[in-house]
Amino acid sequence: MLVAIAACALAACGRFGYEERQQDASARGDTGGSGDDADTDALVTDGPTGDVPFVCPTECNGGCANNECHIDGDALTTIVCPPGIPCVITCTGFQSCKADIMCGSASSCTVNCVGDHACYFGVECGAGPCTLNCSGPDACPAVSHCNNSTNCNITCSGLNSCGFTNHCGAGKCNVDCSGMDSCKGSVDCAASCQCDVTCAAIAFCPQNPGTVTCPTGCSVADGCDSTLPNCAVCM
């Protein structure tokens, strides 16, 4: 009888101690879990929408720093920007980017034609802002189209750069021909709602064949000037 009572007392004491420890843990907010909930709460998404993690598209062989698609186009035969994010394409080698560079539905598109004869087959801008930097010698030797872009900026700073026609569409267009003998291929922005073309003294334009076609009434001696009356009519 005494043995049974002693066993019962020991069991009761152990139970009471267990319950007290549980109450103390509850008061501290410690559920005894593994901490997974806390780790989950610490996760932060970092994407364009802020709702889901940003996954770098496979086209972006240069990575996606700052949620921009970076494409090294030197060895590519197909260059197409993924849709919905800014796209930066760089062509550094001789005759690099031997493909039609397609900006497509990128939210914005920047093409850097750094090498000799870089951007060999031209650039097709999409509807978003488009920037074309032709800084290499003989860079941008093919036709470049800004026909669909709402805001197109072309800089022809390399020696003999922009050897073929640069076409602007109905959006804003700015073409800076600052390189020696640049813009020999002419500039056409007759349809632009606001066009500025500047031909430096060392550039080939605006003399033939580097002619510059401006919107009606917007021509000046060195190109086009949107500050003239009725030359900035973008809605």
C-alpha atoms as a PDB file:
ATOM      1  CA  MET A   1       0.000   0.000   0.000  1.00  0.00           C
ATOM      2  CA  LEU A   2       2.763   2.422   0.900  1.00  0.00           C
ATOM      3  CA  VAL A   3       4.577   1.577  -2.309  1.00  0.00           C
ATOM      4  CA  ALA A   4       1.491   2.425  -4.414  1.00  0.00           C
ATOM      5  CA  ILE A   5       0.978   5.722  -2.621  1.00  0.00           C
ATOM      6  CA  ALA A   6       4.619   6.641  -3.119  1.00  0.00           C
ATOM      7  CA  ALA A   7       4.439   5.797  -6.850  1.00  0.00           C
ATOM      8  CA  CYS A   8       1.269   7.869  -7.246  1.00  0.00           C
ATOM      9  CA  ALA A   9       2.837  10.803  -5.459  1.00  0.00           C
ATOM     10  CA  LEU A  10       5.892  10.653  -7.656  1.00  0.00           C
ATOM     11  CA  ALA A  11       3.741  10.557 -10.800  1.00  0.00           C
ATOM     12  CA  ALA A  12       1.643  13.480  -9.606  1.00  0.00           C
ATOM     13  CA  CYS A  13       4.698  15.510  -8.766  1.00  0.00           C
ATOM     14  CA  GLY A  14       6.155  14.845 -12.204  1.00  0.00           C
ATOM     15  CA  ARG A  15       2.885  15.836 -13.900  1.00  0.00           C
ATOM     16  CA  PHE A  16       2.550  19.019 -11.936  1.00  0.00           C
ATOM     17  CA  GLY A  17       6.148  20.004 -12.780  1.00  0.00           C
ATOM     18  CA  TYR A  18       5.518  19.342 -16.471  1.00  0.00           C
ATOM     19  CA  GLU A  19       2.384  21.512 -16.489  1.00  0.00           C
ATOM     20  CA  GLU A  20       4.225  24.355 -14.753  1.00  0.00           C
ATOM     21  CA  ARG A  21       7.003  24.228 -17.335  1.00  0.00           C
ATOM     22  CA  GLN A  22       4.398  24.325 -20.125  1.00  0.00           C
ATOM     23  CA  GLN A  23       2.727  27.372 -18.563  1.00  0.00           C
ATOM     24  CA  ASP A  24       6.088  29.132 -18.243  1.00  0.00           C
ATOM     25  CA  ALA A  25       6.882  28.419 -21.898  1.00  0.00           C
ATOM     26  CA  SER A  26       3.454  29.726 -22.982  1.00  0.00           C
ATOM     27  CA  ALA A  27       3.994  32.904 -21.009  1.00  0.00           C
ATOM     28  CA  ARG A  28       7.285  33.432 -22.825  1.00  0.00           C
ATOM     29  CA  GLY A  29       5.643  32.770 -26.224  1.00  0.00           C
ATOM     30  CA  ASP A  30       7.904  29.738 -26.783  1.00  0.00           C
ATOM     31  CA  THR A  31       5.892  26.939 -28.405  1.00  0.00           C
ATOM     32  CA  GLY A  32       8.875  24.659 -28.621  1.00  0.00           C
ATOM     33  CA  GLY A  33       8.740  24.614 -32.417  1.00  0.00           C
ATOM     34  CA  SER A  34      11.655  24.622 -34.809  1.00  0.00           C
ATOM     35  CA  GLY A  35      11.406  28.331 -35.647  1.00  0.00           C
ATOM     36  CA  ASP A  36      10.223  27.757 -39.240  1.00  0.00           C
ATOM     37  CA  ASP A  37       7.455  30.334 -38.900  1.00  0.00           C
ATOM     38  CA  ALA A  38       9.948  33.016 -37.916  1.00  0.00           C
ATOM     39  CA  ASP A  39      12.183  32.119 -40.836  1.00  0.00           C
ATOM     40  CA  THR A  40       9.224  32.279 -43.239  1.00  0.00           C
ATOM     41  CA  ASP A  41       8.261  35.715 -41.978  1.00  0.00           C
ATOM     42  CA  ALA A  42      11.791  36.925 -42.651  1.00  0.00           C
ATOM     43  CA  LEU A  43      11.607  36.056 -46.378  1.00  0.00           C
ATOM     44  CA  VAL A  44      11.408  39.144 -48.571  1.00  0.00           C
ATOM     45  CA  THR A  45      10.372  38.962 -52.193  1.00  0.00           C
ATOM     46  CA  ASP A  46      12.348  41.048 -54.603  1.00  0.00           C
ATOM     47  CA  GLY A  47      10.650  41.200 -57.976  1.00  0.00           C
ATOM     48  CA  PRO A  48       9.202  43.800 -60.334  1.00  0.00           C
ATOM     49  CA  THR A  49       5.723  43.395 -58.800  1.00  0.00           C
ATOM     50  CA  GLY A  50       6.803  42.869 -55.208  1.00  0.00           C
ATOM     51  CA  ASP A  51       4.407  39.899 -55.077  1.00  0.00           C
ATOM     52  CA  VAL A  52       6.543  37.031 -56.318  1.00  0.00           C
ATOM     53  CA  PRO A  53      10.298  36.460 -56.422  1.00  0.00           C
ATOM     54  CA  PHE A  54      11.929  37.783 -59.577  1.00  0.00           C
ATOM     55  CA  VAL A  55      13.328  35.025 -61.778  1.00  0.00           C
ATOM     56  CA  CYS A  56      15.980  36.084 -64.264  1.00  0.00           C
ATOM     57  CA  PRO A  57      14.911  35.022 -67.792  1.00  0.00           C
ATOM     58  CA  THR A  58      17.196  32.640 -69.654  1.00  0.00           C
ATOM     59  CA  GLU A  59      17.780  35.216 -72.401  1.00  0.00           C
ATOM     60  CA  CYS A  60      19.686  37.375 -69.904  1.00  0.00           C
ATOM     61  CA  ASN A  61      23.112  35.737 -70.192  1.00  0.00           C
ATOM     62  CA  GLY A  62      24.685  38.710 -68.402  1.00  0.00           C
ATOM     63  CA  GLY A  63      22.443  38.381 -65.373  1.00  0.00           C
ATOM     64  CA  CYS A  64      19.682  40.562 -63.984  1.00  0.00           C
ATOM     65  CA  ALA A  65      21.311  43.151 -61.751  1.00  0.00           C
ATOM     66  CA  ASN A  66      18.783  45.734 -60.536  1.00  0.00           C
ATOM     67  CA  ASN A  67      16.001  43.654 -62.107  1.00  0.00           C
ATOM     68  CA  GLU A  68      17.272  44.551 -65.583  1.00  0.00           C
ATOM     69  CA  CYS A  69      17.962  41.948 -68.232  1.00  0.00           C
ATOM     70  CA  HIS A  70      21.601  42.185 -69.338  1.00  0.00           C
ATOM     71  CA  ILE A  71      22.479  40.502 -72.621  1.00  0.00           C
ATOM     72  CA  ASP A  72      26.035  40.043 -73.870  1.00  0.00           C
ATOM     73  CA  GLY A  73      25.365  39.784 -77.570  1.00  0.00           C
ATOM     74  CA  ASP A  74      28.866  39.264 -78.935  1.00  0.00           C
ATOM     75  CA  ALA A  75      28.478  35.576 -79.781  1.00  0.00           C
ATOM     76  CA  LEU A  76      24.708  35.419 -80.192  1.00  0.00           C
ATOM     77  CA  THR A  77      22.899  34.859 -83.475  1.00  0.00           C
ATOM     78  CA  THR A  78      19.484  35.601 -81.955  1.00  0.00           C
ATOM     79  CA  ILE A  79      18.965  38.579 -79.668  1.00  0.00           C
ATOM     80  CA  VAL A  80      15.457  39.129 -78.332  1.00  0.00           C
ATOM     81  CA  CYS A  81      14.665  40.931 -75.089  1.00  0.00           C
ATOM     82  CA  PRO A  82      12.225  39.267 -72.670  1.00  0.00           C
ATOM     83  CA  PRO A  83       8.953  41.141 -72.167  1.00  0.00           C
ATOM     84  CA  GLY A  84       8.000  43.410 -69.299  1.00  0.00           C
ATOM     85  CA  ILE A  85      11.404  44.363 -67.871  1.00  0.00           C
ATOM     86  CA  PRO A  86      14.204  46.783 -68.850  1.00  0.00           C
ATOM     87  CA  CYS A  87      16.683  45.251 -71.292  1.00  0.00           C
ATOM     88  CA  VAL A  88      20.346  46.240 -71.751  1.00  0.00           C
ATOM     89  CA  ILE A  89      22.259  44.745 -74.685  1.00  0.00           C
ATOM     90  CA  THR A  90      26.017  45.200 -75.048  1.00  0.00           C
ATOM     91  CA  CYS A  91      28.033  44.457 -78.185  1.00  0.00           C
ATOM     92  CA  THR A  92      31.766  44.871 -77.596  1.00  0.00           C
ATOM     93  CA  GLY A  93      33.618  42.759 -80.179  1.00  0.00           C
ATOM     94  CA  PHE A  94      34.403  43.270 -83.858  1.00  0.00           C
ATOM     95  CA  GLN A  95      31.198  42.945 -85.891  1.00  0.00           C
ATOM     96  CA  SER A  96      29.533  41.819 -82.680  1.00  0.00           C
ATOM     97  CA  CYS A  97      25.824  41.114 -82.372  1.00  0.00           C
ATOM     98  CA  LYS A  98      25.470  39.579 -85.821  1.00  0.00           C
ATOM     99  CA  ALA A  99      21.707  39.401 -85.497  1.00  0.00           C
ATOM    100  CA  ASP A 100      18.723  41.674 -85.749  1.00  0.00           C
ATOM    101  CA  ILE A 101      18.538  43.072 -82.236  1.00  0.00           C
ATOM    102  CA  MET A 102      14.885  42.864 -81.219  1.00  0.00           C
ATOM    103  CA  CYS A 103      13.799  44.912 -78.222  1.00  0.00           C
ATOM    104  CA  GLY A 104      10.305  43.463 -78.492  1.00  0.00           C
ATOM    105  CA  SER A 105       8.050  44.091 -75.491  1.00  0.00           C
ATOM    106  CA  ALA A 106      10.778  45.104 -73.045  1.00  0.00           C
ATOM    107  CA  SER A 107       9.641  47.960 -70.793  1.00  0.00           C
ATOM    108  CA  SER A 108      12.707  49.864 -72.027  1.00  0.00           C
ATOM    109  CA  CYS A 109      15.639  48.946 -74.236  1.00  0.00           C
ATOM    110  CA  THR A 110      19.245  50.152 -74.226  1.00  0.00           C
ATOM    111  CA  VAL A 111      21.693  48.920 -76.866  1.00  0.00           C
ATOM    112  CA  ASN A 112      25.391  49.680 -76.431  1.00  0.00           C
ATOM    113  CA  CYS A 113      27.333  49.225 -79.667  1.00  0.00           C
ATOM    114  CA  VAL A 114      30.888  49.539 -78.377  1.00  0.00           C
ATOM    115  CA  GLY A 115      32.983  47.426 -80.734  1.00  0.00           C
ATOM    116  CA  ASP A 116      34.244  48.053 -84.267  1.00  0.00           C
ATOM    117  CA  HIS A 117      31.258  47.545 -86.624  1.00  0.00           C
ATOM    118  CA  ALA A 118      29.169  46.501 -83.616  1.00  0.00           C
ATOM    119  CA  CYS A 119      25.412  45.979 -83.928  1.00  0.00           C
ATOM    120  CA  TYR A 120      26.141  44.727 -87.398  1.00  0.00           C
ATOM    121  CA  PHE A 121      22.582  43.952 -88.472  1.00  0.00           C
ATOM    122  CA  GLY A 122      20.713  46.833 -86.871  1.00  0.00           C
ATOM    123  CA  VAL A 123      18.248  47.378 -84.053  1.00  0.00           C
ATOM    124  CA  GLU A 124      14.461  47.125 -83.907  1.00  0.00           C
ATOM    125  CA  CYS A 125      13.086  49.111 -80.978  1.00  0.00           C
ATOM    126  CA  GLY A 126       9.836  48.163 -79.305  1.00  0.00           C
ATOM    127  CA  ALA A 127       7.076  50.426 -78.038  1.00  0.00           C
ATOM    128  CA  GLY A 128       8.945  51.434 -74.878  1.00  0.00           C
ATOM    129  CA  PRO A 129      11.754  53.989 -74.539  1.00  0.00           C
ATOM    130  CA  CYS A 130      14.713  52.992 -76.698  1.00  0.00           C
ATOM    131  CA  THR A 131      18.327  54.150 -76.418  1.00  0.00           C
ATOM    132  CA  LEU A 132      20.969  53.311 -79.002  1.00  0.00           C
ATOM    133  CA  ASN A 133      24.590  54.181 -78.198  1.00  0.00           C
ATOM    134  CA  CYS A 134      26.874  53.815 -81.223  1.00  0.00           C
ATOM    135  CA  SER A 135      30.259  54.588 -79.684  1.00  0.00           C
ATOM    136  CA  GLY A 136      32.531  52.178 -81.556  1.00  0.00           C
ATOM    137  CA  PRO A 137      34.216  52.930 -84.892  1.00  0.00           C
ATOM    138  CA  ASP A 138      31.819  52.136 -87.741  1.00  0.00           C
ATOM    139  CA  ALA A 139      29.272  51.033 -85.123  1.00  0.00           C
ATOM    140  CA  CYS A 140      25.638  50.688 -86.129  1.00  0.00           C
ATOM    141  CA  PRO A 141      26.408  50.118 -89.810  1.00  0.00           C
ATOM    142  CA  ALA A 142      22.890  48.849 -90.541  1.00  0.00           C
ATOM    143  CA  VAL A 143      19.461  50.446 -90.533  1.00  0.00           C
ATOM    144  CA  SER A 144      18.042  51.134 -87.063  1.00  0.00           C
ATOM    145  CA  HIS A 145      14.316  51.501 -86.515  1.00  0.00           C
ATOM    146  CA  CYS A 146      12.601  53.493 -83.790  1.00  0.00           C
ATOM    147  CA  ASN A 147       9.293  53.309 -85.649  1.00  0.00           C
ATOM    148  CA  ASN A 148       7.316  51.991 -82.672  1.00  0.00           C
ATOM    149  CA  SER A 149       9.121  53.675 -79.793  1.00  0.00           C
ATOM    150  CA  THR A 150       7.430  56.410 -77.796  1.00  0.00           C
ATOM    151  CA  ASN A 151      10.802  57.940 -76.957  1.00  0.00           C
ATOM    152  CA  CYS A 152      13.914  57.159 -78.988  1.00  0.00           C
ATOM    153  CA  ASN A 153      17.443  58.416 -78.314  1.00  0.00           C
ATOM    154  CA  ILE A 154      20.298  57.652 -80.701  1.00  0.00           C
ATOM    155  CA  THR A 155      23.873  58.766 -80.097  1.00  0.00           C
ATOM    156  CA  CYS A 156      26.361  58.351 -82.941  1.00  0.00           C
ATOM    157  CA  SER A 157      29.643  59.240 -81.259  1.00  0.00           C
ATOM    158  CA  GLY A 158      31.960  56.709 -82.898  1.00  0.00           C
ATOM    159  CA  LEU A 159      34.088  57.356 -85.981  1.00  0.00           C
ATOM    160  CA  ASN A 160      31.934  56.703 -89.087  1.00  0.00           C
ATOM    161  CA  SER A 161      29.117  55.464 -86.856  1.00  0.00           C
ATOM    162  CA  CYS A 162      25.513  55.214 -88.034  1.00  0.00           C
ATOM    163  CA  GLY A 163      26.384  54.473 -91.626  1.00  0.00           C
ATOM    164  CA  PHE A 164      22.809  53.613 -92.606  1.00  0.00           C
ATOM    165  CA  THR A 165      19.499  55.383 -92.094  1.00  0.00           C
ATOM    166  CA  ASN A 166      18.096  55.927 -88.634  1.00  0.00           C
ATOM    167  CA  HIS A 167      14.289  55.831 -88.803  1.00  0.00           C
ATOM    168  CA  CYS A 168      12.149  57.527 -86.153  1.00  0.00           C
ATOM    169  CA  GLY A 169       8.465  56.890 -85.697  1.00  0.00           C
ATOM    170  CA  ALA A 170       5.657  59.101 -84.413  1.00  0.00           C
ATOM    171  CA  GLY A 171       7.090  59.393 -80.883  1.00  0.00           C
ATOM    172  CA  LYS A 172       9.785  61.682 -79.523  1.00  0.00           C
ATOM    173  CA  CYS A 173      13.122  61.247 -81.247  1.00  0.00           C
ATOM    174  CA  ASN A 174      16.563  62.608 -80.478  1.00  0.00           C
ATOM    175  CA  VAL A 175      19.596  61.883 -82.669  1.00  0.00           C
ATOM    176  CA  ASP A 176      23.028  63.209 -81.751  1.00  0.00           C
ATOM    177  CA  CYS A 177      25.627  62.877 -84.514  1.00  0.00           C
ATOM    178  CA  SER A 178      28.805  63.867 -82.684  1.00  0.00           C
ATOM    179  CA  GLY A 179      31.393  61.443 -84.080  1.00  0.00           C
ATOM    180  CA  MET A 180      33.773  62.126 -86.933  1.00  0.00           C
ATOM    181  CA  ASP A 181      31.950  61.460 -90.246  1.00  0.00           C
ATOM    182  CA  SER A 182      28.966  60.050 -88.342  1.00  0.00           C
ATOM    183  CA  CYS A 183      25.416  59.757 -89.667  1.00  0.00           C
ATOM    184  CA  LYS A 184      26.475  59.280 -93.263  1.00  0.00           C
ATOM    185  CA  GLY A 185      23.400  57.117 -93.661  1.00  0.00           C
ATOM    186  CA  SER A 186      20.879  59.924 -93.083  1.00  0.00           C
ATOM    187  CA  VAL A 187      18.208  60.488 -90.431  1.00  0.00           C
ATOM    188  CA  ASP A 188      14.466  60.377 -91.063  1.00  0.00           C
ATOM    189  CA  CYS A 189      12.189  61.772 -88.366  1.00  0.00           C
ATOM    190  CA  ALA A 190       9.557  63.420 -90.559  1.00  0.00           C
ATOM    191  CA  ALA A 191       6.734  61.621 -88.725  1.00  0.00           C
ATOM    192  CA  SER A 192       7.988  62.414 -85.211  1.00  0.00           C
ATOM    193  CA  CYS A 193       5.870  64.523 -82.882  1.00  0.00           C
ATOM    194  CA  GLN A 194       9.067  66.018 -81.457  1.00  0.00           C
ATOM    195  CA  CYS A 195      12.384  65.554 -83.198  1.00  0.00           C
ATOM    196  CA  ASP A 196      15.819  66.919 -82.411  1.00  0.00           C
ATOM    197  CA  VAL A 197      18.758  66.067 -84.655  1.00  0.00           C
ATOM    198  CA  THR A 198      22.151  67.616 -84.039  1.00  0.00           C
ATOM    199  CA  CYS A 199      24.916  67.234 -86.598  1.00  0.00           C
ATOM    200  CA  ALA A 200      28.279  68.305 -85.195  1.00  0.00           C
ATOM    201  CA  ALA A 201      30.721  70.151 -87.447  1.00  0.00           C
ATOM    202  CA  ILE A 202      32.812  66.973 -87.771  1.00  0.00           C
ATOM    203  CA  ALA A 203      29.796  64.784 -88.608  1.00  0.00           C
ATOM    204  CA  PHE A 204      28.878  63.816 -92.165  1.00  0.00           C
ATOM    205  CA  CYS A 205      25.273  64.984 -91.899  1.00  0.00           C
ATOM    206  CA  PRO A 206      23.337  66.970 -92.935  1.00  0.00           C
ATOM    207  CA  GLN A 207      25.042  66.973 -96.338  1.00  0.00           C
ATOM    208  CA  ASN A 208      24.143  64.334 -98.911  1.00  0.00           C
ATOM    209  CA  PRO A 209      23.998  61.358 -98.509  1.00  0.00           C
ATOM    210  CA  GLY A 210      23.691  62.033 -94.787  1.00  0.00           C
ATOM    211  CA  THR A 211      20.508  63.991 -95.260  1.00  0.00           C
ATOM    212  CA  VAL A 212      18.216  64.832 -92.373  1.00  0.00           C
ATOM    213  CA  THR A 213      14.452  64.824 -92.904  1.00  0.00           C
ATOM    214  CA  CYS A 214      12.654  66.792 -90.197  1.00  0.00           C
ATOM    215  CA  PRO A 215       8.971  67.386 -89.471  1.00  0.00           C
ATOM    216  CA  THR A 216       7.604  70.233 -91.564  1.00  0.00           C
ATOM    217  CA  GLY A 217       8.928  73.591 -90.405  1.00  0.00           C
ATOM    218  CA  CYS A 218      11.425  72.124 -87.912  1.00  0.00           C
ATOM    219  CA  SER A 219      14.627  72.141 -89.981  1.00  0.00           C
ATOM    220  CA  VAL A 220      17.712  74.108 -88.965  1.00  0.00           C
ATOM    221  CA  ALA A 221      21.210  74.308 -90.432  1.00  0.00           C
ATOM    222  CA  ASP A 222      22.568  71.408 -88.377  1.00  0.00           C
ATOM    223  CA  GLY A 223      19.499  69.183 -88.227  1.00  0.00           C
ATOM    224  CA  CYS A 224      16.079  69.470 -86.552  1.00  0.00           C
ATOM    225  CA  ASP A 225      14.967  71.676 -83.662  1.00  0.00           C
ATOM    226  CA  SER A 226      11.857  70.902 -81.620  1.00  0.00           C
ATOM    227  CA  THR A 227      11.907  74.305 -79.926  1.00  0.00           C
ATOM    228  CA  LEU A 228      10.647  75.945 -83.109  1.00  0.00           C
ATOM    229  CA  PRO A 229       6.905  76.758 -83.295  1.00  0.00           C
ATOM    230  CA  ASN A 230       4.652  73.714 -83.716  1.00  0.00           C
ATOM    231  CA  CYS A 231       7.613  71.332 -83.563  1.00  0.00           C
ATOM    232  CA  ALA A 232       6.766  69.729 -80.199  1.00  0.00           C
ATOM    233  CA  VAL A 233       3.246  68.381 -80.545  1.00  0.00           C
ATOM    234  CA  CYS A 234       3.426  65.097 -78.646  1.00  0.00           C
ATOM    235  CA  MET A 235       0.278  64.390 -76.659  1.00  0.00           C
END
